[in-house]
Amino acid sequence: MTSALESQRKLRRRLISDVSHELNTPLSVIQLEAQGLRDGL
C-alpha cells in the first residue's frame, strides 16, 4: 500500500508537470503568433 501510494504521488506530480507543459506550450505559441501578426512580422 505504501509503495502504491508513493507511485500515485509521483504520477500526480508528473501529471501537474505534464498538464502545465501541455497547456503552456500551445498558449506560448499562440501568443507569439498574435504578437508577430500585430507587429507585422
PDB file of all heavy atoms in Angstrom:
ATOM      1  N   MET A   1       0.827  -1.196   0.000  1.00  0.00           N
ATOM      2  CA  MET A   1       0.000   0.000   0.000  1.00  0.00           C
ATOM      3  C   MET A   1       0.867   1.254   0.000  1.00  0.00           C
ATOM      4  O   MET A   1       0.587   2.211  -0.730  1.00  0.00           O
ATOM      5  CB  MET A   1      -0.918   0.005   1.225  1.00  0.00           C
ATOM      6  CG  MET A   1      -1.860   1.211   1.309  1.00  0.00           C
ATOM      7  SD  MET A   1      -2.847   1.219   2.807  1.00  0.00           S
ATOM      8  CE  MET A   1      -1.579   1.528   4.040  1.00  0.00           C
ATOM      9  N   THR A   2       1.917   1.241   0.791  1.00  0.00           N
ATOM     10  CA  THR A   2       2.827   2.386   0.841  1.00  0.00           C
ATOM     11  C   THR A   2       3.476   2.621  -0.515  1.00  0.00           C
ATOM     12  O   THR A   2       3.598   3.756  -0.987  1.00  0.00           O
ATOM     13  CB  THR A   2       3.913   2.154   1.904  1.00  0.00           C
ATOM     14  OG1 THR A   2       3.289   1.957   3.179  1.00  0.00           O
ATOM     15  CG2 THR A   2       4.851   3.345   1.993  1.00  0.00           C
ATOM     16  N   SER A   3       3.911   1.529  -1.143  1.00  0.00           N
ATOM     17  CA  SER A   3       4.528   1.633  -2.456  1.00  0.00           C
ATOM     18  C   SER A   3       3.537   2.179  -3.484  1.00  0.00           C
ATOM     19  O   SER A   3       3.893   3.018  -4.311  1.00  0.00           O
ATOM     20  CB  SER A   3       5.040   0.258  -2.899  1.00  0.00           C
ATOM     21  OG  SER A   3       5.578   0.319  -4.197  1.00  0.00           O
ATOM     22  N   ALA A   4       2.277   1.705  -3.421  1.00  0.00           N
ATOM     23  CA  ALA A   4       1.252   2.176  -4.355  1.00  0.00           C
ATOM     24  C   ALA A   4       0.963   3.658  -4.154  1.00  0.00           C
ATOM     25  O   ALA A   4       0.794   4.408  -5.118  1.00  0.00           O
ATOM     26  CB  ALA A   4      -0.026   1.354  -4.193  1.00  0.00           C
ATOM     27  N   LEU A   5       0.920   4.085  -2.887  1.00  0.00           N
ATOM     28  CA  LEU A   5       0.659   5.496  -2.605  1.00  0.00           C
ATOM     29  C   LEU A   5       1.798   6.376  -3.117  1.00  0.00           C
ATOM     30  O   LEU A   5       1.564   7.456  -3.675  1.00  0.00           O
ATOM     31  CB  LEU A   5       0.469   5.702  -1.095  1.00  0.00           C
ATOM     32  CG  LEU A   5      -0.844   5.191  -0.508  1.00  0.00           C
ATOM     33  CD1 LEU A   5      -0.826   5.312   1.019  1.00  0.00           C
ATOM     34  CD2 LEU A   5      -2.026   5.968  -1.076  1.00  0.00           C
ATOM     35  N   GLU A   6       3.036   5.910  -2.932  1.00  0.00           N
ATOM     36  CA  GLU A   6       4.177   6.679  -3.414  1.00  0.00           C
ATOM     37  C   GLU A   6       4.152   6.769  -4.935  1.00  0.00           C
ATOM     38  O   GLU A   6       4.466   7.813  -5.518  1.00  0.00           O
ATOM     39  CB  GLU A   6       5.480   6.025  -2.948  1.00  0.00           C
ATOM     40  CG  GLU A   6       6.741   6.762  -3.406  1.00  0.00           C
ATOM     41  CD  GLU A   6       6.795   8.203  -2.940  1.00  0.00           C
ATOM     42  OE1 GLU A   6       6.203   8.521  -1.882  1.00  0.00           O
ATOM     43  OE2 GLU A   6       7.443   9.014  -3.636  1.00  0.00           O
ATOM     44  N   SER A   7       3.763   5.654  -5.586  1.00  0.00           N
ATOM     45  CA  SER A   7       3.653   5.667  -7.042  1.00  0.00           C
ATOM     46  C   SER A   7       2.608   6.671  -7.491  1.00  0.00           C
ATOM     47  O   SER A   7       2.811   7.409  -8.465  1.00  0.00           O
ATOM     48  CB  SER A   7       3.302   4.266  -7.548  1.00  0.00           C
ATOM     49  OG  SER A   7       3.110   4.274  -8.946  1.00  0.00           O
ATOM     50  N   GLN A   8       1.474   6.726  -6.781  1.00  0.00           N
ATOM     51  CA  GLN A   8       0.428   7.682  -7.128  1.00  0.00           C
ATOM     52  C   GLN A   8       0.893   9.122  -6.917  1.00  0.00           C
ATOM     53  O   GLN A   8       0.549  10.012  -7.699  1.00  0.00           O
ATOM     54  CB  GLN A   8      -0.827   7.413  -6.293  1.00  0.00           C
ATOM     55  CG  GLN A   8      -1.588   6.165  -6.707  1.00  0.00           C
ATOM     56  CD  GLN A   8      -2.038   6.228  -8.143  1.00  0.00           C
ATOM     57  OE1 GLN A   8      -2.594   7.223  -8.583  1.00  0.00           O
ATOM     58  NE2 GLN A   8      -1.792   5.155  -8.893  1.00  0.00           N
ATOM     59  N   ARG A   9       1.681   9.365  -5.862  1.00  0.00           N
ATOM     60  CA  ARG A   9       2.217  10.712  -5.630  1.00  0.00           C
ATOM     61  C   ARG A   9       3.128  11.124  -6.796  1.00  0.00           C
ATOM     62  O   ARG A   9       3.071  12.263  -7.262  1.00  0.00           O
ATOM     63  CB  ARG A   9       2.999  10.754  -4.319  1.00  0.00           C
ATOM     64  CG  ARG A   9       2.142  10.623  -3.064  1.00  0.00           C
ATOM     65  CD  ARG A   9       2.950  10.949  -1.832  1.00  0.00           C
ATOM     66  NE  ARG A   9       2.230  10.636  -0.612  1.00  0.00           N
ATOM     67  CZ  ARG A   9       2.396   9.516   0.084  1.00  0.00           C
ATOM     68  NH1 ARG A   9       3.292   8.615  -0.322  1.00  0.00           N
ATOM     69  NH2 ARG A   9       1.707   9.290   1.178  1.00  0.00           N
ATOM     70  N   LYS A  10       3.980  10.202  -7.234  1.00  0.00           N
ATOM     71  CA  LYS A  10       4.877  10.505  -8.348  1.00  0.00           C
ATOM     72  C   LYS A  10       4.080  10.794  -9.615  1.00  0.00           C
ATOM     73  O   LYS A  10       4.397  11.724 -10.362  1.00  0.00           O
ATOM     74  CB  LYS A  10       5.833   9.337  -8.581  1.00  0.00           C
ATOM     75  CG  LYS A  10       6.881   9.168  -7.491  1.00  0.00           C
ATOM     76  CD  LYS A  10       7.790   7.988  -7.790  1.00  0.00           C
ATOM     77  CE  LYS A  10       8.850   7.830  -6.704  1.00  0.00           C
ATOM     78  NZ  LYS A  10       9.731   6.654  -6.957  1.00  0.00           N
ATOM     79  N   LEU A  11       3.029   9.986  -9.866  1.00  0.00           N
ATOM     80  CA  LEU A  11       2.203  10.204 -11.052  1.00  0.00           C
ATOM     81  C   LEU A  11       1.472  11.538 -10.963  1.00  0.00           C
ATOM     82  O   LEU A  11       1.290  12.232 -11.967  1.00  0.00           O
ATOM     83  CB  LEU A  11       1.194   9.064 -11.211  1.00  0.00           C
ATOM     84  CG  LEU A  11       1.768   7.738 -11.708  1.00  0.00           C
ATOM     85  CD1 LEU A  11       0.690   6.654 -11.690  1.00  0.00           C
ATOM     86  CD2 LEU A  11       2.339   7.874 -13.101  1.00  0.00           C
ATOM     87  N   ARG A  12       1.044  11.909  -9.731  1.00  0.00           N
ATOM     88  CA  ARG A  12       0.335  13.181  -9.561  1.00  0.00           C
ATOM     89  C   ARG A  12       1.280  14.354  -9.858  1.00  0.00           C
ATOM     90  O   ARG A  12       0.900  15.320 -10.516  1.00  0.00           O
ATOM     91  CB  ARG A  12      -0.226  13.285  -8.150  1.00  0.00           C
ATOM     92  CG  ARG A  12      -1.190  14.466  -7.950  1.00  0.00           C
ATOM     93  CD  ARG A  12      -1.760  14.493  -6.556  1.00  0.00           C
ATOM     94  NE  ARG A  12      -2.508  13.288  -6.261  1.00  0.00           N
ATOM     95  CZ  ARG A  12      -2.133  12.365  -5.371  1.00  0.00           C
ATOM     96  NH1 ARG A  12      -1.001  12.500  -4.706  1.00  0.00           N
ATOM     97  NH2 ARG A  12      -2.857  11.304  -5.158  1.00  0.00           N
ATOM     98  N   ARG A  13       2.512  14.242  -9.346  1.00  0.00           N
ATOM     99  CA  ARG A  13       3.486  15.302  -9.627  1.00  0.00           C
ATOM    100  C   ARG A  13       3.788  15.370 -11.114  1.00  0.00           C
ATOM    101  O   ARG A  13       3.911  16.448 -11.696  1.00  0.00           O
ATOM    102  CB  ARG A  13       4.773  15.058  -8.826  1.00  0.00           C
ATOM    103  CG  ARG A  13       4.632  15.299  -7.323  1.00  0.00           C
ATOM    104  CD  ARG A  13       5.987  15.379  -6.651  1.00  0.00           C
ATOM    105  NE  ARG A  13       6.701  14.115  -6.713  1.00  0.00           N
ATOM    106  CZ  ARG A  13       6.641  13.184  -5.762  1.00  0.00           C
ATOM    107  NH1 ARG A  13       5.891  13.387  -4.695  1.00  0.00           N
ATOM    108  NH2 ARG A  13       7.325  12.065  -5.873  1.00  0.00           N
ATOM    109  N   ARG A  14       3.910  14.198 -11.734  1.00  0.00           N
ATOM    110  CA  ARG A  14       4.160  14.171 -13.179  1.00  0.00           C
ATOM    111  C   ARG A  14       2.965  14.743 -13.931  1.00  0.00           C
ATOM    112  O   ARG A  14       3.135  15.430 -14.942  1.00  0.00           O
ATOM    113  CB  ARG A  14       4.450  12.738 -13.615  1.00  0.00           C
ATOM    114  CG  ARG A  14       4.719  12.598 -15.103  1.00  0.00           C
ATOM    115  CD  ARG A  14       5.150  11.190 -15.457  1.00  0.00           C
ATOM    116  NE  ARG A  14       6.505  10.910 -14.999  1.00  0.00           N
ATOM    117  CZ  ARG A  14       7.135   9.754 -15.227  1.00  0.00           C
ATOM    118  NH1 ARG A  14       6.520   8.791 -15.881  1.00  0.00           N
ATOM    119  NH2 ARG A  14       8.362   9.572 -14.791  1.00  0.00           N
ATOM    120  N   LEU A  15       1.750  14.457 -13.436  1.00  0.00           N
ATOM    121  CA  LEU A  15       0.539  14.991 -14.061  1.00  0.00           C
ATOM    122  C   LEU A  15       0.571  16.514 -14.069  1.00  0.00           C
ATOM    123  O   LEU A  15       0.325  17.154 -15.098  1.00  0.00           O
ATOM    124  CB  LEU A  15      -0.700  14.499 -13.309  1.00  0.00           C
ATOM    125  CG  LEU A  15      -1.994  15.313 -13.489  1.00  0.00           C
ATOM    126  CD1 LEU A  15      -2.465  15.244 -14.937  1.00  0.00           C
ATOM    127  CD2 LEU A  15      -3.068  14.837 -12.547  1.00  0.00           C
ATOM    128  N   ILE A  16       0.880  17.099 -12.922  1.00  0.00           N
ATOM    129  CA  ILE A  16       0.912  18.562 -12.828  1.00  0.00           C
ATOM    130  C   ILE A  16       1.939  19.129 -13.803  1.00  0.00           C
ATOM    131  O   ILE A  16       1.686  20.097 -14.509  1.00  0.00           O
ATOM    132  CB  ILE A  16       1.235  18.994 -11.387  1.00  0.00           C
ATOM    133  CG1 ILE A  16       0.081  18.582 -10.451  1.00  0.00           C
ATOM    134  CG2 ILE A  16       1.451  20.509 -11.310  1.00  0.00           C
ATOM    135  CD1 ILE A  16       0.389  18.776  -8.973  1.00  0.00           C
ATOM    136  N   SER A  17       3.111  18.483 -13.852  1.00  0.00           N
ATOM    137  CA  SER A  17       4.162  18.953 -14.759  1.00  0.00           C
ATOM    138  C   SER A  17       3.734  18.803 -16.216  1.00  0.00           C
ATOM    139  O   SER A  17       3.895  19.718 -17.028  1.00  0.00           O
ATOM    140  CB  SER A  17       5.450  18.164 -14.506  1.00  0.00           C
ATOM    141  OG  SER A  17       6.430  18.499 -15.458  1.00  0.00           O
ATOM    142  N   ASP A  18       3.154  17.649 -16.560  1.00  0.00           N
ATOM    143  CA  ASP A  18       2.783  17.385 -17.949  1.00  0.00           C
ATOM    144  C   ASP A  18       1.649  18.284 -18.416  1.00  0.00           C
ATOM    145  O   ASP A  18       1.692  18.848 -19.514  1.00  0.00           O
ATOM    146  CB  ASP A  18       2.370  15.922 -18.126  1.00  0.00           C
ATOM    147  CG  ASP A  18       3.567  14.989 -18.140  1.00  0.00           C
ATOM    148  OD1 ASP A  18       4.698  15.484 -18.269  1.00  0.00           O
ATOM    149  OD2 ASP A  18       3.367  13.777 -18.039  1.00  0.00           O
ATOM    150  N   VAL A  19       0.593  18.413 -17.591  1.00  0.00           N
ATOM    151  CA  VAL A  19      -0.542  19.239 -17.986  1.00  0.00           C
ATOM    152  C   VAL A  19      -0.113  20.700 -18.104  1.00  0.00           C
ATOM    153  O   VAL A  19      -0.516  21.409 -19.024  1.00  0.00           O
ATOM    154  CB  VAL A  19      -1.710  19.079 -16.999  1.00  0.00           C
ATOM    155  CG1 VAL A  19      -2.812  20.090 -17.299  1.00  0.00           C
ATOM    156  CG2 VAL A  19      -2.286  17.672 -17.082  1.00  0.00           C
ATOM    157  N   SER A  20       0.746  21.144 -17.165  1.00  0.00           N
ATOM    158  CA  SER A  20       1.255  22.509 -17.237  1.00  0.00           C
ATOM    159  C   SER A  20       2.011  22.724 -18.542  1.00  0.00           C
ATOM    160  O   SER A  20       1.832  23.738 -19.230  1.00  0.00           O
ATOM    161  CB  SER A  20       2.166  22.787 -16.047  1.00  0.00           C
ATOM    162  OG  SER A  20       2.755  24.071 -16.148  1.00  0.00           O
ATOM    163  N   HIS A  21       2.856  21.756 -18.896  1.00  0.00           N
ATOM    164  CA  HIS A  21       3.619  21.874 -20.138  1.00  0.00           C
ATOM    165  C   HIS A  21       2.697  21.837 -21.347  1.00  0.00           C
ATOM    166  O   HIS A  21       2.849  22.635 -22.293  1.00  0.00           O
ATOM    167  CB  HIS A  21       4.635  20.727 -20.225  1.00  0.00           C
ATOM    168  CG  HIS A  21       5.446  20.737 -21.489  1.00  0.00           C
ATOM    169  ND1 HIS A  21       5.053  20.058 -22.625  1.00  0.00           N
ATOM    170  CD2 HIS A  21       6.615  21.343 -21.790  1.00  0.00           C
ATOM    171  CE1 HIS A  21       5.951  20.250 -23.575  1.00  0.00           C
ATOM    172  NE2 HIS A  21       6.910  21.013 -23.093  1.00  0.00           N
ATOM    173  N   GLU A  22       1.723  20.921 -21.334  1.00  0.00           N
ATOM    174  CA  GLU A  22       0.815  20.777 -22.472  1.00  0.00           C
ATOM    175  C   GLU A  22      -0.042  22.024 -22.657  1.00  0.00           C
ATOM    176  O   GLU A  22      -0.478  22.321 -23.771  1.00  0.00           O
ATOM    177  CB  GLU A  22      -0.076  19.549 -22.277  1.00  0.00           C
ATOM    178  CG  GLU A  22       0.649  18.225 -22.376  1.00  0.00           C
ATOM    179  CD  GLU A  22       1.218  17.967 -23.764  1.00  0.00           C
ATOM    180  OE1 GLU A  22       0.583  18.371 -24.754  1.00  0.00           O
ATOM    181  OE2 GLU A  22       2.309  17.382 -23.856  1.00  0.00           O
ATOM    182  N   LEU A  23      -0.310  22.745 -21.586  1.00  0.00           N
ATOM    183  CA  LEU A  23      -1.083  23.986 -21.696  1.00  0.00           C
ATOM    184  C   LEU A  23      -0.190  25.162 -22.076  1.00  0.00           C
ATOM    185  O   LEU A  23      -0.549  25.974 -22.929  1.00  0.00           O
ATOM    186  CB  LEU A  23      -1.789  24.285 -20.372  1.00  0.00           C
ATOM    187  CG  LEU A  23      -2.971  23.386 -19.995  1.00  0.00           C
ATOM    188  CD1 LEU A  23      -3.433  23.703 -18.585  1.00  0.00           C
ATOM    189  CD2 LEU A  23      -4.125  23.556 -20.975  1.00  0.00           C
ATOM    190  N   ASN A  24       0.964  25.250 -21.444  1.00  0.00           N
ATOM    191  CA  ASN A  24       1.827  26.414 -21.650  1.00  0.00           C
ATOM    192  C   ASN A  24       2.420  26.481 -23.055  1.00  0.00           C
ATOM    193  O   ASN A  24       2.531  27.571 -23.636  1.00  0.00           O
ATOM    194  CB  ASN A  24       2.973  26.419 -20.630  1.00  0.00           C
ATOM    195  CG  ASN A  24       2.538  26.979 -19.289  1.00  0.00           C
ATOM    196  OD1 ASN A  24       1.750  27.911 -19.243  1.00  0.00           O
ATOM    197  ND2 ASN A  24       3.047  26.414 -18.205  1.00  0.00           N
ATOM    198  N   THR A  25       2.796  25.335 -23.601  1.00  0.00           N
ATOM    199  CA  THR A  25       3.439  25.349 -24.923  1.00  0.00           C
ATOM    200  C   THR A  25       2.532  25.923 -26.005  1.00  0.00           C
ATOM    201  O   THR A  25       2.921  26.876 -26.698  1.00  0.00           O
ATOM    202  CB  THR A  25       3.922  23.945 -25.307  1.00  0.00           C
ATOM    203  OG1 THR A  25       4.887  23.497 -24.332  1.00  0.00           O
ATOM    204  CG2 THR A  25       4.568  23.946 -26.679  1.00  0.00           C
ATOM    205  N   PRO A  26       1.303  25.404 -26.189  1.00  0.00           N
ATOM    206  CA  PRO A  26       0.455  25.998 -27.237  1.00  0.00           C
ATOM    207  C   PRO A  26       0.045  27.432 -26.928  1.00  0.00           C
ATOM    208  O   PRO A  26      -0.067  28.263 -27.841  1.00  0.00           O
ATOM    209  CB  PRO A  26      -0.767  25.068 -27.286  1.00  0.00           C
ATOM    210  CG  PRO A  26      -0.766  24.341 -26.005  1.00  0.00           C
ATOM    211  CD  PRO A  26       0.662  24.216 -25.589  1.00  0.00           C
ATOM    212  N   LEU A  27      -0.160  27.761 -25.656  1.00  0.00           N
ATOM    213  CA  LEU A  27      -0.519  29.129 -25.313  1.00  0.00           C
ATOM    214  C   LEU A  27       0.626  30.089 -25.654  1.00  0.00           C
ATOM    215  O   LEU A  27       0.392  31.206 -26.134  1.00  0.00           O
ATOM    216  CB  LEU A  27      -0.878  29.229 -23.826  1.00  0.00           C
ATOM    217  CG  LEU A  27      -2.208  28.595 -23.416  1.00  0.00           C
ATOM    218  CD1 LEU A  27      -2.367  28.632 -21.909  1.00  0.00           C
ATOM    219  CD2 LEU A  27      -3.375  29.290 -24.090  1.00  0.00           C
ATOM    220  N   SER A  28       1.855  29.654 -25.423  1.00  0.00           N
ATOM    221  CA  SER A  28       3.003  30.494 -25.761  1.00  0.00           C
ATOM    222  C   SER A  28       3.107  30.699 -27.265  1.00  0.00           C
ATOM    223  O   SER A  28       3.392  31.809 -27.742  1.00  0.00           O
ATOM    224  CB  SER A  28       4.295  29.850 -25.235  1.00  0.00           C
ATOM    225  OG  SER A  28       4.284  29.767 -23.824  1.00  0.00           O
ATOM    226  N   VAL A  29       2.872  29.623 -28.023  1.00  0.00           N
ATOM    227  CA  VAL A  29       2.929  29.738 -29.483  1.00  0.00           C
ATOM    228  C   VAL A  29       1.848  30.683 -29.983  1.00  0.00           C
ATOM    229  O   VAL A  29       2.086  31.536 -30.845  1.00  0.00           O
ATOM    230  CB  VAL A  29       2.780  28.347 -30.136  1.00  0.00           C
ATOM    231  CG1 VAL A  29       2.651  28.485 -31.654  1.00  0.00           C
ATOM    232  CG2 VAL A  29       3.977  27.460 -29.790  1.00  0.00           C
ATOM    233  N   ILE A  30       0.625  30.536 -29.443  1.00  0.00           N
ATOM    234  CA  ILE A  30      -0.483  31.405 -29.854  1.00  0.00           C
ATOM    235  C   ILE A  30      -0.148  32.865 -29.557  1.00  0.00           C
ATOM    236  O   ILE A  30      -0.392  33.761 -30.374  1.00  0.00           O
ATOM    237  CB  ILE A  30      -1.788  30.983 -29.154  1.00  0.00           C
ATOM    238  CG1 ILE A  30      -2.264  29.635 -29.703  1.00  0.00           C
ATOM    239  CG2 ILE A  30      -2.882  32.043 -29.341  1.00  0.00           C
ATOM    240  CD1 ILE A  30      -3.415  29.029 -28.931  1.00  0.00           C
ATOM    241  N   GLN A  31       0.430  33.114 -28.372  1.00  0.00           N
ATOM    242  CA  GLN A  31       0.794  34.482 -28.009  1.00  0.00           C
ATOM    243  C   GLN A  31       1.849  35.041 -28.952  1.00  0.00           C
ATOM    244  O   GLN A  31       1.739  36.185 -29.422  1.00  0.00           O
ATOM    245  CB  GLN A  31       1.315  34.511 -26.577  1.00  0.00           C
ATOM    246  CG  GLN A  31       1.655  35.919 -26.085  1.00  0.00           C
ATOM    247  CD  GLN A  31       2.154  35.920 -24.640  1.00  0.00           C
ATOM    248  OE1 GLN A  31       2.787  34.963 -24.207  1.00  0.00           O
ATOM    249  NE2 GLN A  31       1.856  36.973 -23.914  1.00  0.00           N
ATOM    250  N   LEU A  32       2.862  34.247 -29.268  1.00  0.00           N
ATOM    251  CA  LEU A  32       3.923  34.706 -30.166  1.00  0.00           C
ATOM    252  C   LEU A  32       3.383  34.970 -31.571  1.00  0.00           C
ATOM    253  O   LEU A  32       3.764  35.955 -32.222  1.00  0.00           O
ATOM    254  CB  LEU A  32       5.041  33.670 -30.217  1.00  0.00           C
ATOM    255  CG  LEU A  32       5.905  33.544 -28.955  1.00  0.00           C
ATOM    256  CD1 LEU A  32       6.842  32.356 -29.081  1.00  0.00           C
ATOM    257  CD2 LEU A  32       6.682  34.825 -28.707  1.00  0.00           C
ATOM    258  N   GLU A  33       2.501  34.095 -32.037  1.00  0.00           N
ATOM    259  CA  GLU A  33       1.926  34.296 -33.367  1.00  0.00           C
ATOM    260  C   GLU A  33       1.073  35.566 -33.402  1.00  0.00           C
ATOM    261  O   GLU A  33       1.118  36.333 -34.383  1.00  0.00           O
ATOM    262  CB  GLU A  33       1.080  33.080 -33.765  1.00  0.00           C
ATOM    263  CG  GLU A  33       1.868  31.803 -33.984  1.00  0.00           C
ATOM    264  CD  GLU A  33       2.788  31.885 -35.178  1.00  0.00           C
ATOM    265  OE1 GLU A  33       2.492  32.648 -36.127  1.00  0.00           O
ATOM    266  OE2 GLU A  33       3.829  31.204 -35.169  1.00  0.00           O
ATOM    267  N   ALA A  34       0.304  35.798 -32.350  1.00  0.00           N
ATOM    268  CA  ALA A  34      -0.535  37.004 -32.296  1.00  0.00           C
ATOM    269  C   ALA A  34       0.328  38.263 -32.244  1.00  0.00           C
ATOM    270  O   ALA A  34       0.032  39.266 -32.900  1.00  0.00           O
ATOM    271  CB  ALA A  34      -1.466  36.942 -31.087  1.00  0.00           C
ATOM    272  N   GLN A  35       1.418  38.206 -31.472  1.00  0.00           N
ATOM    273  CA  GLN A  35       2.323  39.353 -31.401  1.00  0.00           C
ATOM    274  C   GLN A  35       2.997  39.609 -32.753  1.00  0.00           C
ATOM    275  O   GLN A  35       3.144  40.757 -33.188  1.00  0.00           O
ATOM    276  CB  GLN A  35       3.382  39.119 -30.319  1.00  0.00           C
ATOM    277  CG  GLN A  35       2.832  39.194 -28.908  1.00  0.00           C
ATOM    278  CD  GLN A  35       3.875  38.807 -27.871  1.00  0.00           C
ATOM    279  OE1 GLN A  35       4.903  38.219 -28.193  1.00  0.00           O
ATOM    280  NE2 GLN A  35       3.602  39.134 -26.611  1.00  0.00           N
ATOM    281  N   GLY A  36       3.408  38.528 -33.416  1.00  0.00           N
ATOM    282  CA  GLY A  36       4.020  38.679 -34.730  1.00  0.00           C
ATOM    283  C   GLY A  36       3.053  39.257 -35.742  1.00  0.00           C
ATOM    284  O   GLY A  36       3.440  40.082 -36.587  1.00  0.00           O
ATOM    285  N   LEU A  37       1.793  38.857 -35.649  1.00  0.00           N
ATOM    286  CA  LEU A  37       0.769  39.392 -36.549  1.00  0.00           C
ATOM    287  C   LEU A  37       0.544  40.873 -36.276  1.00  0.00           C
ATOM    288  O   LEU A  37       0.462  41.692 -37.204  1.00  0.00           O
ATOM    289  CB  LEU A  37      -0.536  38.607 -36.364  1.00  0.00           C
ATOM    290  CG  LEU A  37      -1.720  38.997 -37.246  1.00  0.00           C
ATOM    291  CD1 LEU A  37      -1.379  38.822 -38.723  1.00  0.00           C
ATOM    292  CD2 LEU A  37      -2.935  38.154 -36.878  1.00  0.00           C
ATOM    293  N   ARG A  38       0.491  41.256 -34.996  1.00  0.00           N
ATOM    294  CA  ARG A  38       0.293  42.655 -34.611  1.00  0.00           C
ATOM    295  C   ARG A  38       1.447  43.534 -35.072  1.00  0.00           C
ATOM    296  O   ARG A  38       1.251  44.652 -35.548  1.00  0.00           O
ATOM    297  CB  ARG A  38       0.140  42.756 -33.091  1.00  0.00           C
ATOM    298  CG  ARG A  38      -0.102  44.171 -32.577  1.00  0.00           C
ATOM    299  CD  ARG A  38       0.142  44.219 -31.075  1.00  0.00           C
ATOM    300  NE  ARG A  38       1.532  43.864 -30.756  1.00  0.00           N
ATOM    301  CZ  ARG A  38       1.960  43.609 -29.520  1.00  0.00           C
ATOM    302  NH1 ARG A  38       1.124  43.641 -28.506  1.00  0.00           N
ATOM    303  NH2 ARG A  38       3.237  43.303 -29.313  1.00  0.00           N
ATOM    304  N   ASP A  39       2.668  42.983 -34.972  1.00  0.00           N
ATOM    305  CA  ASP A  39       3.855  43.772 -35.307  1.00  0.00           C
ATOM    306  C   ASP A  39       4.240  43.668 -36.785  1.00  0.00           C
ATOM    307  O   ASP A  39       5.282  44.194 -37.194  1.00  0.00           O
ATOM    308  CB  ASP A  39       5.036  43.324 -34.444  1.00  0.00           C
ATOM    309  CG  ASP A  39       4.777  43.547 -32.953  1.00  0.00           C
ATOM    310  OD1 ASP A  39       3.950  44.418 -32.634  1.00  0.00           O
ATOM    311  OD2 ASP A  39       5.399  42.840 -32.138  1.00  0.00           O
ATOM    312  N   GLY A  40       3.427  42.991 -37.571  1.00  0.00           N
ATOM    313  CA  GLY A  40       3.700  42.866 -38.992  1.00  0.00           C
ATOM    314  C   GLY A  40       4.825  41.911 -39.331  1.00  0.00           C
ATOM    315  O   GLY A  40       5.378  41.969 -40.440  1.00  0.00           O
ATOM    316  N   LEU A  41       5.189  41.031 -38.393  1.00  0.00           N
ATOM    317  CA  LEU A  41       6.270  40.085 -38.627  1.00  0.00           C
ATOM    318  C   LEU A  41       5.764  38.740 -39.144  1.00  0.00           C
ATOM    319  O   LEU A  41       6.567  37.851 -39.452  1.00  0.00           O
ATOM    320  CB  LEU A  41       7.053  39.852 -37.324  1.00  0.00           C
ATOM    321  CG  LEU A  41       7.661  41.103 -36.684  1.00  0.00           C
ATOM    322  CD1 LEU A  41       8.312  40.752 -35.353  1.00  0.00           C
ATOM    323  CD2 LEU A  41       8.680  41.738 -37.639  1.00  0.00           C
TER     324      LEU A  41
END
